[in-house]
Structures are given as C-alpha cells and as structure tokens.
Amino acid sequence: MLKHTTKIYYDLLPDYSVSVLVYGSTEWDVFRSMNHLCAWADAEVTQYELVDITNTTAQQRMNLGVFDGCQY
C-alpha cells in the first residue's frame, strides 16, 4: 500500500515566522516558527515533505509546482 506524501511549501520570513502553503490548498497560513510548523505537521499530516521556497521567485515557485494543487 502506497502512502500519499503531502508537500508543505514554506517560506521563512525575516522575523523567523514561516509562511506555509499545503499542496492542494488555496490559502497560505503563518506559523510563529519552524518548530511550530513541524509540530503541527507531525500532529495533522500522516506523511509529509517540507519544501523550502525561501528566496525564490514566482517563476521558480511555479517550476517547483507550488501552485499546481491550487483549485481556484
């Protein structure tokens, strides 16, 4: 049985908070720190992959597939 891995894209902000987009979601969320993000992900997501998109351009984010799962 294959387990689905959920991609969690994150952007580390200057104040060390973390802007987050979970693949398939249309809304960004903010966590106070990477520790808070990891604690949330461990509790809420069975299997996940953190993808760092800090300091990437919009084009690079598109190339990484950040917006592929967005259903507008």
PDB file of N, CA and C in Angstrom:
ATOM      1  N   MET A   1       0.841  -1.188   0.000  1.00  0.00           N
ATOM      2  CA  MET A   1       0.000   0.000   0.000  1.00  0.00           C
ATOM      3  C   MET A   1       0.885   1.251   0.000  1.00  0.00           C
ATOM      4  N   LEU A   2       0.673   2.095  -0.980  1.00  0.00           N
ATOM      5  CA  LEU A   2       1.445   3.331  -1.077  1.00  0.00           C
ATOM      6  C   LEU A   2       0.812   4.410  -0.214  1.00  0.00           C
ATOM      7  N   LYS A   3       1.657   5.135   0.485  1.00  0.00           N
ATOM      8  CA  LYS A   3       1.177   6.257   1.287  1.00  0.00           C
ATOM      9  C   LYS A   3       1.394   7.535   0.500  1.00  0.00           C
ATOM     10  N   HIS A   4       0.414   8.406   0.552  1.00  0.00           N
ATOM     11  CA  HIS A   4       0.500   9.695  -0.130  1.00  0.00           C
ATOM     12  C   HIS A   4       1.330  10.656   0.716  1.00  0.00           C
ATOM     13  N   THR A   5       2.308  11.286   0.084  1.00  0.00           N
ATOM     14  CA  THR A   5       3.122  12.291   0.764  1.00  0.00           C
ATOM     15  C   THR A   5       2.585  13.670   0.415  1.00  0.00           C
ATOM     16  N   THR A   6       2.248  14.440   1.421  1.00  0.00           N
ATOM     17  CA  THR A   6       1.747  15.796   1.237  1.00  0.00           C
ATOM     18  C   THR A   6       2.921  16.759   1.226  1.00  0.00           C
ATOM     19  N   LYS A   7       2.998  17.576   0.184  1.00  0.00           N
ATOM     20  CA  LYS A   7       4.048  18.593   0.132  1.00  0.00           C
ATOM     21  C   LYS A   7       3.587  19.830   0.893  1.00  0.00           C
ATOM     22  N   ILE A   8       4.470  20.314   1.744  1.00  0.00           N
ATOM     23  CA  ILE A   8       4.218  21.538   2.502  1.00  0.00           C
ATOM     24  C   ILE A   8       5.309  22.525   2.111  1.00  0.00           C
ATOM     25  N   TYR A   9       4.907  23.553   1.372  1.00  0.00           N
ATOM     26  CA  TYR A   9       5.846  24.575   0.919  1.00  0.00           C
ATOM     27  C   TYR A   9       5.943  25.647   1.989  1.00  0.00           C
ATOM     28  N   TYR A  10       7.166  26.040   2.315  1.00  0.00           N
ATOM     29  CA  TYR A  10       7.326  27.057   3.356  1.00  0.00           C
ATOM     30  C   TYR A  10       8.335  28.121   2.945  1.00  0.00           C
ATOM     31  N   ASP A  11       8.066  29.325   3.428  1.00  0.00           N
ATOM     32  CA  ASP A  11       8.904  30.496   3.172  1.00  0.00           C
ATOM     33  C   ASP A  11       9.265  31.084   4.536  1.00  0.00           C
ATOM     34  N   LEU A  12      10.537  30.985   4.905  1.00  0.00           N
ATOM     35  CA  LEU A  12      10.999  31.519   6.185  1.00  0.00           C
ATOM     36  C   LEU A  12      11.086  33.039   6.078  1.00  0.00           C
ATOM     37  N   LEU A  13      10.383  33.738   6.944  1.00  0.00           N
ATOM     38  CA  LEU A  13      10.314  35.197   6.911  1.00  0.00           C
ATOM     39  C   LEU A  13      11.390  35.806   7.805  1.00  0.00           C
ATOM     40  N   PRO A  14      11.699  37.103   7.609  1.00  0.00           N
ATOM     41  CA  PRO A  14      12.776  37.748   8.372  1.00  0.00           C
ATOM     42  C   PRO A  14      12.624  37.668   9.893  1.00  0.00           C
ATOM     43  N   ASP A  15      11.393  37.618  10.386  1.00  0.00           N
ATOM     44  CA  ASP A  15      11.182  37.528  11.841  1.00  0.00           C
ATOM     45  C   ASP A  15      11.153  36.071  12.328  1.00  0.00           C
ATOM     46  N   TYR A  16      11.546  35.145  11.447  1.00  0.00           N
ATOM     47  CA  TYR A  16      11.603  33.700  11.716  1.00  0.00           C
ATOM     48  C   TYR A  16      10.236  33.037  11.793  1.00  0.00           C
ATOM     49  N   SER A  17       9.187  33.785  11.474  1.00  0.00           N
ATOM     50  CA  SER A  17       7.901  33.118  11.302  1.00  0.00           C
ATOM     51  C   SER A  17       7.950  32.419   9.938  1.00  0.00           C
ATOM     52  N   VAL A  18       6.970  31.567   9.680  1.00  0.00           N
ATOM     53  CA  VAL A  18       7.006  30.746   8.479  1.00  0.00           C
ATOM     54  C   VAL A  18       5.672  30.851   7.754  1.00  0.00           C
ATOM     55  N   SER A  19       5.722  31.269   6.494  1.00  0.00           N
ATOM     56  CA  SER A  19       4.550  31.302   5.642  1.00  0.00           C
ATOM     57  C   SER A  19       4.450  29.939   4.959  1.00  0.00           C
ATOM     58  N   VAL A  20       3.250  29.349   4.967  1.00  0.00           N
ATOM     59  CA  VAL A  20       3.096  27.952   4.557  1.00  0.00           C
ATOM     60  C   VAL A  20       1.936  27.786   3.583  1.00  0.00           C
ATOM     61  N   LEU A  21       2.164  26.973   2.552  1.00  0.00           N
ATOM     62  CA  LEU A  21       1.095  26.556   1.648  1.00  0.00           C
ATOM     63  C   LEU A  21       1.153  25.042   1.551  1.00  0.00           C
ATOM     64  N   VAL A  22       0.066  24.399   1.937  1.00  0.00           N
ATOM     65  CA  VAL A  22      -0.027  22.942   1.825  1.00  0.00           C
ATOM     66  C   VAL A  22      -0.543  22.629   0.427  1.00  0.00           C
ATOM     67  N   TYR A  23       0.112  21.686  -0.253  1.00  0.00           N
ATOM     68  CA  TYR A  23      -0.296  21.317  -1.606  1.00  0.00           C
ATOM     69  C   TYR A  23      -1.780  20.973  -1.625  1.00  0.00           C
ATOM     70  N   GLY A  24      -2.507  21.568  -2.563  1.00  0.00           N
ATOM     71  CA  GLY A  24      -3.939  21.349  -2.680  1.00  0.00           C
ATOM     72  C   GLY A  24      -4.775  22.433  -2.033  1.00  0.00           C
ATOM     73  N   SER A  25      -4.136  23.291  -1.258  1.00  0.00           N
ATOM     74  CA  SER A  25      -4.837  24.380  -0.584  1.00  0.00           C
ATOM     75  C   SER A  25      -4.716  25.662  -1.408  1.00  0.00           C
ATOM     76  N   THR A  26      -5.643  26.567  -1.216  1.00  0.00           N
ATOM     77  CA  THR A  26      -5.577  27.860  -1.897  1.00  0.00           C
ATOM     78  C   THR A  26      -5.186  28.980  -0.946  1.00  0.00           C
ATOM     79  N   GLU A  27      -5.050  28.658   0.335  1.00  0.00           N
ATOM     80  CA  GLU A  27      -4.758  29.693   1.322  1.00  0.00           C
ATOM     81  C   GLU A  27      -3.436  29.443   2.032  1.00  0.00           C
ATOM     82  N   TRP A  28      -2.664  30.505   2.154  1.00  0.00           N
ATOM     83  CA  TRP A  28      -1.414  30.457   2.909  1.00  0.00           C
ATOM     84  C   TRP A  28      -1.739  30.577   4.386  1.00  0.00           C
ATOM     85  N   ASP A  29      -0.893  30.006   5.207  1.00  0.00           N
ATOM     86  CA  ASP A  29      -1.025  30.115   6.657  1.00  0.00           C
ATOM     87  C   ASP A  29       0.319  30.577   7.204  1.00  0.00           C
ATOM     88  N   VAL A  30       0.343  31.051   8.432  1.00  0.00           N
ATOM     89  CA  VAL A  30       1.590  31.515   9.041  1.00  0.00           C
ATOM     90  C   VAL A  30       1.758  30.833  10.395  1.00  0.00           C
ATOM     91  N   PHE A  31       2.957  30.333  10.635  1.00  0.00           N
ATOM     92  CA  PHE A  31       3.319  29.761  11.926  1.00  0.00           C
ATOM     93  C   PHE A  31       4.382  30.646  12.551  1.00  0.00           C
ATOM     94  N   ARG A  32       4.432  30.663  13.866  1.00  0.00           N
ATOM     95  CA  ARG A  32       5.385  31.532  14.567  1.00  0.00           C
ATOM     96  C   ARG A  32       6.830  31.109  14.365  1.00  0.00           C
ATOM     97  N   SER A  33       7.050  29.836  14.061  1.00  0.00           N
ATOM     98  CA  SER A  33       8.419  29.337  13.895  1.00  0.00           C
ATOM     99  C   SER A  33       8.388  28.008  13.144  1.00  0.00           C
ATOM    100  N   MET A  34       9.566  27.543  12.724  1.00  0.00           N
ATOM    101  CA  MET A  34       9.677  26.227  12.094  1.00  0.00           C
ATOM    102  C   MET A  34       9.269  25.141  13.081  1.00  0.00           C
ATOM    103  N   ASN A  35       9.601  25.321  14.354  1.00  0.00           N
ATOM    104  CA  ASN A  35       9.209  24.328  15.360  1.00  0.00           C
ATOM    105  C   ASN A  35       7.693  24.181  15.428  1.00  0.00           C
ATOM    106  N   HIS A  36       6.975  25.306  15.353  1.00  0.00           N
ATOM    107  CA  HIS A  36       5.516  25.252  15.374  1.00  0.00           C
ATOM    108  C   HIS A  36       4.986  24.567  14.117  1.00  0.00           C
ATOM    109  N   LEU A  37       5.590  24.864  12.972  1.00  0.00           N
ATOM    110  CA  LEU A  37       5.181  24.208  11.727  1.00  0.00           C
ATOM    111  C   LEU A  37       5.392  22.701  11.828  1.00  0.00           C
ATOM    112  N   CYS A  38       6.561  22.287  12.266  1.00  0.00           N
ATOM    113  CA  CYS A  38       6.867  20.853  12.366  1.00  0.00           C
ATOM    114  C   CYS A  38       5.950  20.148  13.359  1.00  0.00           C
ATOM    115  N   ALA A  39       5.661  20.794  14.476  1.00  0.00           N
ATOM    116  CA  ALA A  39       4.755  20.201  15.467  1.00  0.00           C
ATOM    117  C   ALA A  39       3.358  20.034  14.876  1.00  0.00           C
ATOM    118  N   TRP A  40       2.884  21.045  14.162  1.00  0.00           N
ATOM    119  CA  TRP A  40       1.570  20.957  13.513  1.00  0.00           C
ATOM    120  C   TRP A  40       1.558  19.837  12.481  1.00  0.00           C
ATOM    121  N   ALA A  41       2.584  19.799  11.623  1.00  0.00           N
ATOM    122  CA  ALA A  41       2.643  18.789  10.566  1.00  0.00           C
ATOM    123  C   ALA A  41       2.699  17.380  11.158  1.00  0.00           C
ATOM    124  N   ASP A  42       3.492  17.188  12.197  1.00  0.00           N
ATOM    125  CA  ASP A  42       3.585  15.873  12.842  1.00  0.00           C
ATOM    126  C   ASP A  42       2.230  15.417  13.390  1.00  0.00           C
ATOM    127  N   ALA A  43       1.457  16.370  13.908  1.00  0.00           N
ATOM    128  CA  ALA A  43       0.165  16.043  14.510  1.00  0.00           C
ATOM    129  C   ALA A  43      -0.955  15.881  13.483  1.00  0.00           C
ATOM    130  N   GLU A  44      -0.873  16.605  12.359  1.00  0.00           N
ATOM    131  CA  GLU A  44      -2.002  16.679  11.432  1.00  0.00           C
ATOM    132  C   GLU A  44      -1.817  15.955  10.103  1.00  0.00           C
ATOM    133  N   VAL A  45      -0.585  15.678   9.713  1.00  0.00           N
ATOM    134  CA  VAL A  45      -0.326  15.107   8.388  1.00  0.00           C
ATOM    135  C   VAL A  45       0.408  13.779   8.563  1.00  0.00           C
ATOM    136  N   THR A  46      -0.143  12.725   7.992  1.00  0.00           N
ATOM    137  CA  THR A  46       0.436  11.393   8.156  1.00  0.00           C
ATOM    138  C   THR A  46       1.850  11.307   7.606  1.00  0.00           C
ATOM    139  N   GLN A  47       2.016  11.737   6.371  1.00  0.00           N
ATOM    140  CA  GLN A  47       3.332  11.698   5.729  1.00  0.00           C
ATOM    141  C   GLN A  47       3.483  12.987   4.934  1.00  0.00           C
ATOM    142  N   TYR A  48       4.579  13.709   5.171  1.00  0.00           N
ATOM    143  CA  TYR A  48       4.751  14.991   4.505  1.00  0.00           C
ATOM    144  C   TYR A  48       6.201  15.225   4.114  1.00  0.00           C
ATOM    145  N   GLU A  49       6.345  16.162   3.177  1.00  0.00           N
ATOM    146  CA  GLU A  49       7.668  16.611   2.732  1.00  0.00           C
ATOM    147  C   GLU A  49       7.682  18.127   2.837  1.00  0.00           C
ATOM    148  N   LEU A  50       8.644  18.673   3.568  1.00  0.00           N
ATOM    149  CA  LEU A  50       8.795  20.123   3.648  1.00  0.00           C
ATOM    150  C   LEU A  50       9.636  20.584   2.469  1.00  0.00           C
ATOM    151  N   VAL A  51       9.126  21.582   1.742  1.00  0.00           N
ATOM    152  CA  VAL A  51       9.829  22.118   0.581  1.00  0.00           C
ATOM    153  C   VAL A  51      10.124  23.590   0.845  1.00  0.00           C
ATOM    154  N   ASP A  52      11.390  23.932   0.931  1.00  0.00           N
ATOM    155  CA  ASP A  52      11.822  25.305   1.218  1.00  0.00           C
ATOM    156  C   ASP A  52      11.733  26.150  -0.047  1.00  0.00           C
ATOM    157  N   ILE A  53      10.909  27.194  -0.006  1.00  0.00           N
ATOM    158  CA  ILE A  53      10.797  28.110  -1.145  1.00  0.00           C
ATOM    159  C   ILE A  53      11.250  29.519  -0.758  1.00  0.00           C
ATOM    160  N   THR A  54      12.001  29.609   0.323  1.00  0.00           N
ATOM    161  CA  THR A  54      12.527  30.892   0.775  1.00  0.00           C
ATOM    162  C   THR A  54      13.435  31.468  -0.304  1.00  0.00           C
ATOM    163  N   ASN A  55      13.307  32.755  -0.561  1.00  0.00           N
ATOM    164  CA  ASN A  55      14.131  33.468  -1.545  1.00  0.00           C
ATOM    165  C   ASN A  55      14.012  32.915  -2.959  1.00  0.00           C
ATOM    166  N   THR A  56      12.829  32.444  -3.321  1.00  0.00           N
ATOM    167  CA  THR A  56      12.603  32.006  -4.694  1.00  0.00           C
ATOM    168  C   THR A  56      11.673  32.995  -5.384  1.00  0.00           C
ATOM    169  N   THR A  57      11.807  33.090  -6.689  1.00  0.00           N
ATOM    170  CA  THR A  57      10.947  33.970  -7.478  1.00  0.00           C
ATOM    171  C   THR A  57       9.626  33.268  -7.763  1.00  0.00           C
ATOM    172  N   ALA A  58       8.660  34.025  -8.252  1.00  0.00           N
ATOM    173  CA  ALA A  58       7.372  33.437  -8.628  1.00  0.00           C
ATOM    174  C   ALA A  58       7.570  32.367  -9.696  1.00  0.00           C
ATOM    175  N   GLN A  59       8.449  32.621 -10.659  1.00  0.00           N
ATOM    176  CA  GLN A  59       8.701  31.643 -11.718  1.00  0.00           C
ATOM    177  C   GLN A  59       9.316  30.366 -11.148  1.00  0.00           C
ATOM    178  N   GLN A  60      10.258  30.509 -10.237  1.00  0.00           N
ATOM    179  CA  GLN A  60      10.867  29.331  -9.610  1.00  0.00           C
ATOM    180  C   GLN A  60       9.822  28.537  -8.824  1.00  0.00           C
ATOM    181  N   ARG A  61       8.920  29.241  -8.178  1.00  0.00           N
ATOM    182  CA  ARG A  61       7.862  28.565  -7.424  1.00  0.00           C
ATOM    183  C   ARG A  61       6.930  27.810  -8.367  1.00  0.00           C
ATOM    184  N   MET A  62       6.628  28.407  -9.508  1.00  0.00           N
ATOM    185  CA  MET A  62       5.810  27.708 -10.499  1.00  0.00           C
ATOM    186  C   MET A  62       6.534  26.463 -10.998  1.00  0.00           C
ATOM    187  N   ASN A  63       7.841  26.589 -11.255  1.00  0.00           N
ATOM    188  CA  ASN A  63       8.632  25.448 -11.719  1.00  0.00           C
ATOM    189  C   ASN A  63       8.675  24.329 -10.681  1.00  0.00           C
ATOM    190  N   LEU A  64       8.650  24.687  -9.404  1.00  0.00           N
ATOM    191  CA  LEU A  64       8.656  23.702  -8.321  1.00  0.00           C
ATOM    192  C   LEU A  64       7.282  23.053  -8.114  1.00  0.00           C
ATOM    193  N   GLY A  65       6.254  23.603  -8.765  1.00  0.00           N
ATOM    194  CA  GLY A  65       4.912  23.049  -8.645  1.00  0.00           C
ATOM    195  C   GLY A  65       4.134  23.543  -7.445  1.00  0.00           C
ATOM    196  N   VAL A  66       4.572  24.655  -6.866  1.00  0.00           N
ATOM    197  CA  VAL A  66       3.920  25.177  -5.663  1.00  0.00           C
ATOM    198  C   VAL A  66       2.425  25.401  -5.888  1.00  0.00           C
ATOM    199  N   PHE A  67       2.056  25.907  -7.053  1.00  0.00           N
ATOM    200  CA  PHE A  67       0.664  26.280  -7.298  1.00  0.00           C
ATOM    201  C   PHE A  67      -0.122  25.220  -8.069  1.00  0.00           C
ATOM    202  N   ASP A  68       0.508  24.087  -8.377  1.00  0.00           N
ATOM    203  CA  ASP A  68      -0.158  23.049  -9.171  1.00  0.00           C
ATOM    204  C   ASP A  68      -1.412  22.501  -8.506  1.00  0.00           C
ATOM    205  N   GLY A  69      -1.401  22.400  -7.202  1.00  0.00           N
ATOM    206  CA  GLY A  69      -2.532  21.808  -6.496  1.00  0.00           C
ATOM    207  C   GLY A  69      -3.619  22.786  -6.120  1.00  0.00           C
ATOM    208  N   CYS A  70      -3.437  24.070  -6.447  1.00  0.00           N
ATOM    209  CA  CYS A  70      -4.421  25.092  -6.079  1.00  0.00           C
ATOM    210  C   CYS A  70      -5.664  24.963  -6.945  1.00  0.00           C
ATOM    211  N   GLN A  71      -6.805  24.903  -6.317  1.00  0.00           N
ATOM    212  CA  GLN A  71      -8.086  24.823  -7.016  1.00  0.00           C
ATOM    213  C   GLN A  71      -8.839  26.129  -6.804  1.00  0.00           C
ATOM    214  N   TYR A  72      -8.708  27.040  -7.748  1.00  0.00           N
ATOM    215  CA  TYR A  72      -9.380  28.339  -7.611  1.00  0.00           C
ATOM    216  C   TYR A  72     -10.748  28.311  -8.225  1.00  0.00           C
TER     217      TYR A  72
END
